[in-house]
Amino acid sequence: MIRTLLLLTVLLCTGTSIAGGVYQEPKAFIADVFGNEVPKPEVIWPDKALKQTLTDILGHAYTSLRIRYWRRDTTTAWVLDEIGKEKPITTGIVIKDGKVERVRILVFRESRGWEVRHAFFTEQFDQARLQPDLELDRHIDNISGATLSVNAVSKLVRVALALDQRVISHPATP
């Protein structure tokens, strides 16, 4: 009992959260996707049009100069961050043939909303496509108390699909 109270006191005083954590290192995620033959990472340098597309999806300005990804044939893998409520959620997303193959929460830093890491949530994205209006072709159920995390992950999936379309259709984009 005393240990539990001491642990709770330490957590409250340091601002550390039990909910967040590293669930899988990004490097391990990429290794899981591609097995023993991980392709060399590639980089896309978003032009003005792509930055506008990403801004439209995210609802805020996209400012990064480059985005790293991994590709083999028609499969791309992305490790992307988006703010939930206050801190970034690092998500691994695999796109194959223009459809979502896998979504994994790699690092969660918020104090609430961590439920998005579970398969019952991430599997909703399986086989999802991006429509011309930049929305997904399906409804994603919300999680009570995790709305901002759900929104962040949903935006990242849409971003990954848009980026996949760009690199597959324009493989030599500078």
N, C-alpha and C. Protein backbone atom coordinates (compact mmCIF):
# COMPACT_ATOMS: atom_id res chain seq x y z
N MET A 1 0.82 -1.19 0.00
CA MET A 1 0.00 0.00 0.00
C MET A 1 0.87 1.26 0.00
N ILE A 2 1.89 1.25 0.84
CA ILE A 2 2.78 2.41 0.93
C ILE A 2 3.53 2.59 -0.38
N ARG A 3 3.97 1.47 -1.00
CA ARG A 3 4.66 1.56 -2.30
C ARG A 3 3.75 2.16 -3.36
N THR A 4 2.50 1.75 -3.38
CA THR A 4 1.55 2.27 -4.36
C THR A 4 1.36 3.77 -4.17
N LEU A 5 1.18 4.20 -2.93
CA LEU A 5 1.03 5.63 -2.67
C LEU A 5 2.29 6.40 -3.05
N LEU A 6 3.45 5.83 -2.75
CA LEU A 6 4.70 6.48 -3.10
C LEU A 6 4.83 6.60 -4.62
N LEU A 7 4.52 5.53 -5.34
CA LEU A 7 4.58 5.57 -6.80
C LEU A 7 3.62 6.62 -7.36
N LEU A 8 2.41 6.66 -6.86
CA LEU A 8 1.44 7.64 -7.33
C LEU A 8 1.91 9.06 -7.03
N THR A 9 2.49 9.27 -5.88
CA THR A 9 3.01 10.59 -5.52
C THR A 9 4.13 11.00 -6.47
N VAL A 10 5.05 10.08 -6.75
CA VAL A 10 6.15 10.38 -7.68
C VAL A 10 5.60 10.71 -9.06
N LEU A 11 4.65 9.92 -9.53
CA LEU A 11 4.08 10.15 -10.85
C LEU A 11 3.38 11.49 -10.92
N LEU A 12 2.62 11.84 -9.92
CA LEU A 12 1.90 13.11 -9.91
C LEU A 12 2.87 14.29 -9.82
N CYS A 13 3.90 14.15 -9.02
CA CYS A 13 4.85 15.25 -8.84
C CYS A 13 5.73 15.46 -10.06
N THR A 14 6.04 14.39 -10.78
CA THR A 14 6.92 14.51 -11.94
C THR A 14 6.14 14.73 -13.22
N GLY A 15 4.82 14.60 -13.17
CA GLY A 15 4.01 14.77 -14.38
C GLY A 15 4.09 13.56 -15.30
N THR A 16 4.65 12.46 -14.83
CA THR A 16 4.78 11.27 -15.64
C THR A 16 3.43 10.56 -15.71
N SER A 17 3.16 10.00 -16.84
CA SER A 17 1.88 9.34 -17.06
C SER A 17 2.06 7.84 -17.22
N ILE A 18 1.17 7.08 -16.65
CA ILE A 18 1.19 5.64 -16.83
C ILE A 18 0.67 5.29 -18.22
N ALA A 19 -0.19 6.11 -18.78
CA ALA A 19 -0.83 5.80 -20.06
C ALA A 19 0.14 5.82 -21.23
N GLY A 20 1.05 6.77 -21.25
CA GLY A 20 1.94 6.92 -22.39
C GLY A 20 3.09 5.95 -22.35
N GLY A 21 3.84 5.94 -23.43
CA GLY A 21 5.01 5.10 -23.47
C GLY A 21 5.42 4.76 -24.88
N VAL A 22 6.55 4.08 -24.95
CA VAL A 22 7.05 3.58 -26.22
C VAL A 22 6.52 2.17 -26.36
N TYR A 23 5.67 1.95 -27.34
CA TYR A 23 5.09 0.62 -27.55
C TYR A 23 5.92 -0.18 -28.54
N GLN A 24 6.55 0.52 -29.48
CA GLN A 24 7.47 -0.11 -30.42
C GLN A 24 8.38 0.97 -30.98
N GLU A 25 9.65 0.71 -31.01
CA GLU A 25 10.59 1.66 -31.59
C GLU A 25 10.33 1.76 -33.10
N PRO A 26 10.42 2.95 -33.66
CA PRO A 26 10.21 3.09 -35.10
C PRO A 26 11.08 2.15 -35.95
N LYS A 27 12.32 1.98 -35.57
CA LYS A 27 13.22 1.09 -36.31
C LYS A 27 12.69 -0.36 -36.30
N ALA A 28 12.17 -0.80 -35.16
CA ALA A 28 11.62 -2.14 -35.04
C ALA A 28 10.35 -2.28 -35.88
N PHE A 29 9.54 -1.22 -35.94
CA PHE A 29 8.33 -1.23 -36.77
C PHE A 29 8.70 -1.44 -38.23
N ILE A 30 9.67 -0.69 -38.71
CA ILE A 30 10.09 -0.82 -40.12
C ILE A 30 10.64 -2.22 -40.37
N ALA A 31 11.41 -2.77 -39.44
CA ALA A 31 11.92 -4.13 -39.59
C ALA A 31 10.78 -5.14 -39.64
N ASP A 32 9.73 -4.94 -38.85
CA ASP A 32 8.56 -5.83 -38.88
C ASP A 32 7.87 -5.77 -40.24
N VAL A 33 7.81 -4.58 -40.81
CA VAL A 33 7.12 -4.40 -42.09
C VAL A 33 7.86 -5.10 -43.21
N PHE A 34 9.17 -4.93 -43.25
CA PHE A 34 9.95 -5.40 -44.40
C PHE A 34 10.80 -6.64 -44.11
N GLY A 35 10.76 -7.14 -42.90
CA GLY A 35 11.53 -8.34 -42.58
C GLY A 35 13.03 -8.07 -42.58
N ASN A 36 13.78 -9.06 -42.98
CA ASN A 36 15.24 -8.96 -42.95
C ASN A 36 15.82 -8.05 -44.02
N GLU A 37 15.02 -7.66 -44.98
CA GLU A 37 15.52 -6.84 -46.09
C GLU A 37 14.85 -5.47 -46.08
N VAL A 38 15.22 -4.67 -45.10
CA VAL A 38 14.67 -3.32 -44.99
C VAL A 38 15.25 -2.46 -46.09
N PRO A 39 14.40 -1.85 -46.92
CA PRO A 39 14.93 -0.99 -47.98
C PRO A 39 15.55 0.28 -47.39
N LYS A 40 16.44 0.86 -48.17
CA LYS A 40 17.05 2.12 -47.76
C LYS A 40 15.95 3.18 -47.66
N PRO A 41 15.98 4.01 -46.61
CA PRO A 41 14.95 5.06 -46.51
C PRO A 41 15.07 6.06 -47.65
N GLU A 42 13.93 6.54 -48.08
CA GLU A 42 13.88 7.57 -49.11
C GLU A 42 13.31 8.84 -48.49
N VAL A 43 13.40 9.92 -49.22
CA VAL A 43 12.92 11.21 -48.71
C VAL A 43 12.07 11.88 -49.78
N ILE A 44 10.96 12.45 -49.34
CA ILE A 44 10.15 13.29 -50.21
C ILE A 44 10.28 14.73 -49.68
N TRP A 45 10.50 15.64 -50.61
CA TRP A 45 10.59 17.06 -50.30
C TRP A 45 9.29 17.69 -50.77
N PRO A 46 8.35 17.95 -49.86
CA PRO A 46 7.04 18.45 -50.30
C PRO A 46 7.14 19.79 -51.03
N ASP A 47 6.53 19.83 -52.21
CA ASP A 47 6.42 21.10 -52.94
C ASP A 47 5.22 21.87 -52.39
N LYS A 48 4.97 23.03 -52.96
CA LYS A 48 3.90 23.89 -52.47
C LYS A 48 2.54 23.19 -52.51
N ALA A 49 2.26 22.47 -53.59
CA ALA A 49 0.96 21.79 -53.73
C ALA A 49 0.80 20.68 -52.68
N LEU A 50 1.86 19.90 -52.47
CA LEU A 50 1.77 18.83 -51.49
C LEU A 50 1.66 19.41 -50.08
N LYS A 51 2.39 20.47 -49.78
CA LYS A 51 2.27 21.12 -48.47
C LYS A 51 0.84 21.61 -48.24
N GLN A 52 0.20 22.10 -49.28
CA GLN A 52 -1.18 22.55 -49.14
C GLN A 52 -2.11 21.37 -48.86
N THR A 53 -1.89 20.26 -49.55
CA THR A 53 -2.69 19.06 -49.30
C THR A 53 -2.53 18.60 -47.85
N LEU A 54 -1.29 18.58 -47.38
CA LEU A 54 -1.04 18.15 -46.00
C LEU A 54 -1.65 19.14 -45.00
N THR A 55 -1.57 20.43 -45.30
CA THR A 55 -2.19 21.45 -44.45
C THR A 55 -3.70 21.26 -44.41
N ASP A 56 -4.31 20.97 -45.57
CA ASP A 56 -5.75 20.74 -45.62
C ASP A 56 -6.15 19.54 -44.76
N ILE A 57 -5.36 18.49 -44.79
CA ILE A 57 -5.66 17.30 -44.00
C ILE A 57 -5.48 17.57 -42.51
N LEU A 58 -4.35 18.17 -42.16
CA LEU A 58 -4.01 18.36 -40.75
C LEU A 58 -4.78 19.47 -40.07
N GLY A 59 -5.21 20.45 -40.84
CA GLY A 59 -5.91 21.59 -40.25
C GLY A 59 -4.96 22.63 -39.66
N HIS A 60 -3.70 22.50 -39.98
CA HIS A 60 -2.69 23.48 -39.58
C HIS A 60 -1.55 23.43 -40.59
N ALA A 61 -0.74 24.46 -40.62
CA ALA A 61 0.34 24.54 -41.60
C ALA A 61 1.31 23.37 -41.46
N TYR A 62 1.69 22.83 -42.59
CA TYR A 62 2.70 21.78 -42.61
C TYR A 62 4.04 22.43 -42.90
N THR A 63 4.99 22.30 -41.98
CA THR A 63 6.23 23.08 -42.10
C THR A 63 7.50 22.27 -42.31
N SER A 64 7.45 20.96 -42.18
CA SER A 64 8.67 20.16 -42.36
C SER A 64 9.18 20.25 -43.78
N LEU A 65 10.49 20.25 -43.89
CA LEU A 65 11.12 20.35 -45.21
C LEU A 65 11.14 19.02 -45.95
N ARG A 66 11.22 17.92 -45.20
CA ARG A 66 11.31 16.60 -45.84
C ARG A 66 10.60 15.56 -45.00
N ILE A 67 10.24 14.47 -45.65
CA ILE A 67 9.56 13.37 -44.98
C ILE A 67 10.25 12.08 -45.39
N ARG A 68 10.68 11.31 -44.41
CA ARG A 68 11.35 10.04 -44.69
C ARG A 68 10.32 8.92 -44.77
N TYR A 69 10.58 7.99 -45.68
CA TYR A 69 9.71 6.83 -45.82
C TYR A 69 10.52 5.66 -46.37
N TRP A 70 9.91 4.48 -46.35
CA TRP A 70 10.53 3.28 -46.86
C TRP A 70 9.59 2.70 -47.90
N ARG A 71 10.18 2.15 -48.97
CA ARG A 71 9.34 1.65 -50.07
C ARG A 71 9.92 0.38 -50.67
N ARG A 72 9.03 -0.54 -50.94
CA ARG A 72 9.35 -1.72 -51.75
C ARG A 72 8.14 -1.96 -52.65
N ASP A 73 8.38 -1.87 -53.93
CA ASP A 73 7.32 -2.06 -54.94
C ASP A 73 6.17 -1.09 -54.65
N THR A 74 4.97 -1.62 -54.39
CA THR A 74 3.82 -0.74 -54.13
C THR A 74 3.48 -0.63 -52.65
N THR A 75 4.45 -0.95 -51.80
CA THR A 75 4.28 -0.83 -50.36
C THR A 75 5.16 0.30 -49.85
N THR A 76 4.55 1.22 -49.09
CA THR A 76 5.32 2.28 -48.44
C THR A 76 5.04 2.23 -46.94
N ALA A 77 6.05 2.60 -46.17
CA ALA A 77 5.91 2.66 -44.72
C ALA A 77 6.31 4.05 -44.25
N TRP A 78 5.53 4.58 -43.34
CA TRP A 78 5.71 5.95 -42.85
C TRP A 78 5.72 5.96 -41.33
N VAL A 79 6.59 6.75 -40.75
CA VAL A 79 6.60 7.00 -39.31
C VAL A 79 6.36 8.49 -39.17
N LEU A 80 5.16 8.83 -38.69
CA LEU A 80 4.71 10.23 -38.67
C LEU A 80 4.26 10.63 -37.27
N ASP A 81 4.35 11.92 -37.00
CA ASP A 81 3.92 12.48 -35.72
C ASP A 81 2.82 13.50 -35.94
N GLU A 82 1.89 13.54 -34.99
CA GLU A 82 0.88 14.59 -34.93
C GLU A 82 0.53 14.82 -33.47
N ILE A 83 0.23 16.06 -33.15
CA ILE A 83 -0.13 16.42 -31.79
C ILE A 83 -1.53 15.87 -31.48
N GLY A 84 -1.66 15.22 -30.33
CA GLY A 84 -2.97 14.81 -29.83
C GLY A 84 -3.61 16.02 -29.18
N LYS A 85 -3.46 16.12 -27.88
CA LYS A 85 -3.91 17.32 -27.18
C LYS A 85 -2.76 18.32 -27.06
N GLU A 86 -1.63 17.83 -26.54
CA GLU A 86 -0.49 18.71 -26.32
C GLU A 86 0.83 18.14 -26.80
N LYS A 87 0.89 16.82 -26.96
CA LYS A 87 2.17 16.16 -27.28
C LYS A 87 2.02 15.28 -28.52
N PRO A 88 3.15 15.03 -29.19
CA PRO A 88 3.07 14.22 -30.41
C PRO A 88 2.75 12.75 -30.15
N ILE A 89 2.01 12.18 -31.08
CA ILE A 89 1.74 10.75 -31.12
C ILE A 89 2.51 10.25 -32.34
N THR A 90 3.43 9.32 -32.13
CA THR A 90 4.22 8.76 -33.22
C THR A 90 3.51 7.50 -33.71
N THR A 91 3.21 7.48 -34.99
CA THR A 91 2.42 6.40 -35.57
C THR A 91 3.14 5.80 -36.78
N GLY A 92 3.14 4.48 -36.86
CA GLY A 92 3.67 3.78 -38.03
C GLY A 92 2.51 3.36 -38.90
N ILE A 93 2.61 3.67 -40.20
CA ILE A 93 1.52 3.39 -41.13
C ILE A 93 2.10 2.73 -42.38
N VAL A 94 1.48 1.63 -42.79
CA VAL A 94 1.90 0.92 -44.00
C VAL A 94 0.78 1.02 -45.02
N ILE A 95 1.15 1.43 -46.23
CA ILE A 95 0.21 1.52 -47.34
C ILE A 95 0.66 0.53 -48.41
N LYS A 96 -0.27 -0.27 -48.90
CA LYS A 96 0.04 -1.21 -49.98
C LYS A 96 -1.04 -1.10 -51.05
N ASP A 97 -0.61 -0.86 -52.26
CA ASP A 97 -1.54 -0.72 -53.39
C ASP A 97 -2.60 0.34 -53.12
N GLY A 98 -2.21 1.43 -52.46
CA GLY A 98 -3.11 2.55 -52.23
C GLY A 98 -4.10 2.36 -51.10
N LYS A 99 -3.94 1.28 -50.30
CA LYS A 99 -4.84 1.00 -49.18
C LYS A 99 -4.01 0.80 -47.91
N VAL A 100 -4.62 1.14 -46.79
CA VAL A 100 -3.94 0.96 -45.51
C VAL A 100 -3.79 -0.54 -45.23
N GLU A 101 -2.58 -0.92 -44.95
CA GLU A 101 -2.31 -2.31 -44.58
C GLU A 101 -2.15 -2.46 -43.07
N ARG A 102 -1.56 -1.43 -42.43
CA ARG A 102 -1.30 -1.54 -41.00
C ARG A 102 -1.14 -0.16 -40.39
N VAL A 103 -1.69 -0.01 -39.18
CA VAL A 103 -1.50 1.21 -38.38
C VAL A 103 -1.09 0.76 -36.99
N ARG A 104 0.02 1.32 -36.49
CA ARG A 104 0.49 1.01 -35.15
C ARG A 104 0.87 2.31 -34.44
N ILE A 105 0.44 2.43 -33.22
CA ILE A 105 0.90 3.56 -32.38
C ILE A 105 2.24 3.12 -31.83
N LEU A 106 3.28 3.89 -32.14
CA LEU A 106 4.63 3.53 -31.72
C LEU A 106 5.00 4.19 -30.40
N VAL A 107 4.73 5.49 -30.30
CA VAL A 107 5.04 6.23 -29.08
C VAL A 107 3.85 7.12 -28.75
N PHE A 108 3.37 7.00 -27.51
CA PHE A 108 2.25 7.82 -27.06
C PHE A 108 2.71 8.62 -25.87
N ARG A 109 2.56 9.94 -25.93
CA ARG A 109 3.10 10.82 -24.90
C ARG A 109 2.05 11.56 -24.08
N GLU A 110 0.79 11.44 -24.44
CA GLU A 110 -0.29 12.15 -23.74
C GLU A 110 -0.67 11.42 -22.45
N SER A 111 -1.37 12.11 -21.57
CA SER A 111 -1.82 11.50 -20.32
C SER A 111 -3.13 10.75 -20.48
N ARG A 112 -3.85 11.01 -21.55
CA ARG A 112 -5.09 10.28 -21.82
C ARG A 112 -5.25 10.09 -23.32
N GLY A 113 -6.13 9.15 -23.66
CA GLY A 113 -6.36 8.86 -25.07
C GLY A 113 -5.53 7.70 -25.58
N TRP A 114 -4.78 7.06 -24.70
CA TRP A 114 -3.89 5.97 -25.07
C TRP A 114 -4.62 4.76 -25.66
N GLU A 115 -5.92 4.71 -25.53
CA GLU A 115 -6.68 3.57 -26.06
C GLU A 115 -6.52 3.42 -27.57
N VAL A 116 -6.09 4.49 -28.24
CA VAL A 116 -5.90 4.41 -29.69
C VAL A 116 -4.83 3.40 -30.08
N ARG A 117 -4.03 2.97 -29.14
CA ARG A 117 -2.96 2.02 -29.46
C ARG A 117 -3.47 0.60 -29.67
N HIS A 118 -4.68 0.33 -29.21
CA HIS A 118 -5.22 -1.04 -29.27
C HIS A 118 -5.74 -1.39 -30.67
N ALA A 119 -5.65 -2.68 -30.97
CA ALA A 119 -6.08 -3.18 -32.27
C ALA A 119 -7.55 -2.88 -32.57
N PHE A 120 -8.42 -2.88 -31.54
CA PHE A 120 -9.84 -2.60 -31.80
C PHE A 120 -10.01 -1.24 -32.46
N PHE A 121 -9.08 -0.32 -32.21
CA PHE A 121 -9.13 0.99 -32.86
C PHE A 121 -8.36 0.99 -34.18
N THR A 122 -7.11 0.58 -34.16
CA THR A 122 -6.26 0.70 -35.35
C THR A 122 -6.73 -0.18 -36.51
N GLU A 123 -7.36 -1.30 -36.22
CA GLU A 123 -7.83 -2.19 -37.29
C GLU A 123 -8.99 -1.59 -38.10
N GLN A 124 -9.61 -0.54 -37.59
CA GLN A 124 -10.67 0.14 -38.35
C GLN A 124 -10.12 0.72 -39.65
N PHE A 125 -8.83 1.00 -39.68
CA PHE A 125 -8.21 1.63 -40.85
C PHE A 125 -7.83 0.62 -41.93
N ASP A 126 -7.82 -0.68 -41.59
CA ASP A 126 -7.38 -1.69 -42.56
C ASP A 126 -8.17 -1.59 -43.86
N GLN A 127 -7.43 -1.51 -44.94
CA GLN A 127 -7.95 -1.45 -46.32
C GLN A 127 -8.61 -0.11 -46.65
N ALA A 128 -8.49 0.89 -45.78
CA ALA A 128 -9.06 2.21 -46.07
C ALA A 128 -8.31 2.87 -47.22
N ARG A 129 -9.03 3.66 -47.97
CA ARG A 129 -8.47 4.44 -49.10
C ARG A 129 -8.77 5.91 -48.86
N LEU A 130 -8.02 6.74 -49.57
CA LEU A 130 -8.24 8.18 -49.52
C LEU A 130 -9.13 8.56 -50.70
N GLN A 131 -10.20 9.28 -50.41
CA GLN A 131 -11.10 9.76 -51.45
C GLN A 131 -10.56 11.08 -52.04
N PRO A 132 -11.07 11.49 -53.18
CA PRO A 132 -10.60 12.75 -53.78
C PRO A 132 -10.76 13.97 -52.87
N ASP A 133 -11.72 13.93 -51.93
CA ASP A 133 -11.90 15.06 -51.01
C ASP A 133 -10.97 14.98 -49.80
N LEU A 134 -10.00 14.06 -49.84
CA LEU A 134 -8.99 13.85 -48.80
C LEU A 134 -9.55 13.24 -47.52
N GLU A 135 -10.74 12.68 -47.59
CA GLU A 135 -11.33 11.97 -46.46
C GLU A 135 -11.15 10.47 -46.69
N LEU A 136 -11.27 9.70 -45.62
CA LEU A 136 -11.21 8.25 -45.76
C LEU A 136 -12.51 7.74 -46.35
N ASP A 137 -12.45 6.57 -46.95
CA ASP A 137 -13.64 5.98 -47.57
C ASP A 137 -14.52 5.24 -46.57
N ARG A 138 -14.27 5.46 -45.28
CA ARG A 138 -15.07 4.80 -44.24
C ARG A 138 -15.12 5.65 -42.98
N HIS A 139 -16.09 5.35 -42.15
CA HIS A 139 -16.23 6.03 -40.87
C HIS A 139 -15.31 5.35 -39.86
N ILE A 140 -14.62 6.13 -39.05
CA ILE A 140 -13.79 5.62 -37.97
C ILE A 140 -14.48 5.96 -36.65
N ASP A 141 -14.77 4.93 -35.87
CA ASP A 141 -15.44 5.14 -34.59
C ASP A 141 -14.54 5.88 -33.62
N ASN A 142 -15.14 6.80 -32.88
CA ASN A 142 -14.42 7.55 -31.87
C ASN A 142 -14.30 6.69 -30.61
N ILE A 143 -13.44 7.12 -29.71
CA ILE A 143 -13.31 6.50 -28.39
C ILE A 143 -13.60 7.59 -27.38
N SER A 144 -14.59 7.36 -26.53
CA SER A 144 -14.95 8.35 -25.53
C SER A 144 -13.75 8.70 -24.67
N GLY A 145 -13.46 9.98 -24.55
CA GLY A 145 -12.32 10.44 -23.77
C GLY A 145 -11.02 10.48 -24.53
N ALA A 146 -11.04 10.05 -25.79
CA ALA A 146 -9.81 10.01 -26.59
C ALA A 146 -10.00 10.71 -27.93
N THR A 147 -10.94 11.63 -28.00
CA THR A 147 -11.28 12.28 -29.27
C THR A 147 -10.08 12.92 -29.95
N LEU A 148 -9.26 13.64 -29.21
CA LEU A 148 -8.13 14.32 -29.84
C LEU A 148 -7.10 13.32 -30.35
N SER A 149 -6.90 12.22 -29.65
CA SER A 149 -5.99 11.18 -30.12
C SER A 149 -6.54 10.48 -31.35
N VAL A 150 -7.83 10.20 -31.34
CA VAL A 150 -8.49 9.59 -32.50
C VAL A 150 -8.34 10.50 -33.72
N ASN A 151 -8.59 11.79 -33.53
CA ASN A 151 -8.45 12.74 -34.64
C ASN A 151 -7.03 12.80 -35.15
N ALA A 152 -6.05 12.81 -34.26
CA ALA A 152 -4.64 12.87 -34.67
C ALA A 152 -4.25 11.65 -35.49
N VAL A 153 -4.61 10.47 -35.04
CA VAL A 153 -4.26 9.24 -35.76
C VAL A 153 -4.98 9.20 -37.10
N SER A 154 -6.24 9.59 -37.13
CA SER A 154 -6.99 9.60 -38.39
C SER A 154 -6.35 10.54 -39.40
N LYS A 155 -5.90 11.70 -38.94
CA LYS A 155 -5.22 12.65 -39.83
C LYS A 155 -3.92 12.05 -40.36
N LEU A 156 -3.17 11.37 -39.50
CA LEU A 156 -1.91 10.78 -39.94
C LEU A 156 -2.13 9.70 -40.98
N VAL A 157 -3.19 8.92 -40.84
CA VAL A 157 -3.50 7.90 -41.85
C VAL A 157 -3.80 8.57 -43.18
N ARG A 158 -4.58 9.64 -43.15
CA ARG A 158 -4.89 10.37 -44.39
C ARG A 158 -3.63 10.98 -44.99
N VAL A 159 -2.74 11.50 -44.15
CA VAL A 159 -1.47 12.06 -44.63
C VAL A 159 -0.65 10.96 -45.30
N ALA A 160 -0.54 9.80 -44.66
CA ALA A 160 0.24 8.70 -45.24
C ALA A 160 -0.33 8.26 -46.58
N LEU A 161 -1.65 8.20 -46.69
CA LEU A 161 -2.27 7.83 -47.96
C LEU A 161 -1.98 8.88 -49.04
N ALA A 162 -2.03 10.15 -48.69
CA ALA A 162 -1.73 11.22 -49.65
C ALA A 162 -0.26 11.17 -50.07
N LEU A 163 0.62 10.94 -49.11
CA LEU A 163 2.05 10.84 -49.43
C LEU A 163 2.33 9.62 -50.30
N ASP A 164 1.68 8.52 -49.98
CA ASP A 164 1.84 7.31 -50.79
C ASP A 164 1.41 7.57 -52.23
N GLN A 165 0.27 8.23 -52.41
CA GLN A 165 -0.18 8.55 -53.78
C GLN A 165 0.88 9.35 -54.51
N ARG A 166 1.51 10.31 -53.82
CA ARG A 166 2.52 11.16 -54.44
C ARG A 166 3.75 10.35 -54.84
N VAL A 167 4.28 9.54 -53.95
CA VAL A 167 5.52 8.83 -54.27
C VAL A 167 5.31 7.69 -55.25
N ILE A 168 4.13 7.09 -55.24
CA ILE A 168 3.86 6.02 -56.20
C ILE A 168 3.63 6.59 -57.59
N SER A 169 2.89 7.72 -57.67
CA SER A 169 2.59 8.30 -58.98
C SER A 169 3.72 9.19 -59.51
N HIS A 170 4.56 9.71 -58.62
CA HIS A 170 5.69 10.57 -59.01
C HIS A 170 6.96 10.09 -58.29
N PRO A 171 7.47 8.91 -58.64
CA PRO A 171 8.58 8.36 -57.87
C PRO A 171 9.85 9.21 -57.88
N ALA A 172 10.01 10.07 -58.82
CA ALA A 172 11.24 10.89 -58.89
C ALA A 172 11.02 12.31 -58.39
N THR A 173 9.97 12.53 -57.57
CA THR A 173 9.69 13.87 -57.06
C THR A 173 10.88 14.36 -56.25
N PRO A 174 11.42 15.53 -56.58
CA PRO A 174 12.57 16.03 -55.83
C PRO A 174 12.18 16.51 -54.46
